[in-house]
Amino acid sequence: MGDYHCDRDEVKAMFRDGSDTPQDLRIVEDLGGAALDSGTIASYRSYFQRIRPNHPWRNLNDEDFLVRLQALARSTKDNQLHPTIAGLLMFGREYDIVREFANYLTELVKCHVASMTGTNFLGYLRLATRSTVVCNAQCGA
């Protein structure tokens, strides 16, 4: 078969995929913890406490909770907490997400999801383009 010349995107993908650190745990050094939306964090914590009422993280403050989720991580450069890519995508404001990911587009999908407790709640999922989202739920209008 032989060798062939890779195009620019293939080379970038090889470098990205060759990293020992998953891409979603990469620290966004130019943003602080304030880039994460407190309302979104509160909503997630409420949901988390409903589905896992005895989880040991339920009593942590927001900062410690986000560190355990790996949504925030301490930078070795300045020893401060910054969002990770995962934290930014999950809890970040759209303005900051778009600064990091120029091709990001928000789409709200109204979705009825049965929780682990058997009750239903109405959720809005924030989806990014060029992503595959696998949802084990029945979504409707």
Foldseek 3Di string as FASTA:
>chain_A
DDDDDDDPVVVVVCVQVVDPDPQQLAFPVVAAPVQFAPVLLVVVLVVVCVQCVPDPLNPPPSVVSCVVVSQWDQDPVPRHIGGGNNVCVRGGDPVVNCVVPVQWDWDWFWAWAQGPVRDIDIDIDTDTPPDDDDDPGDGDD
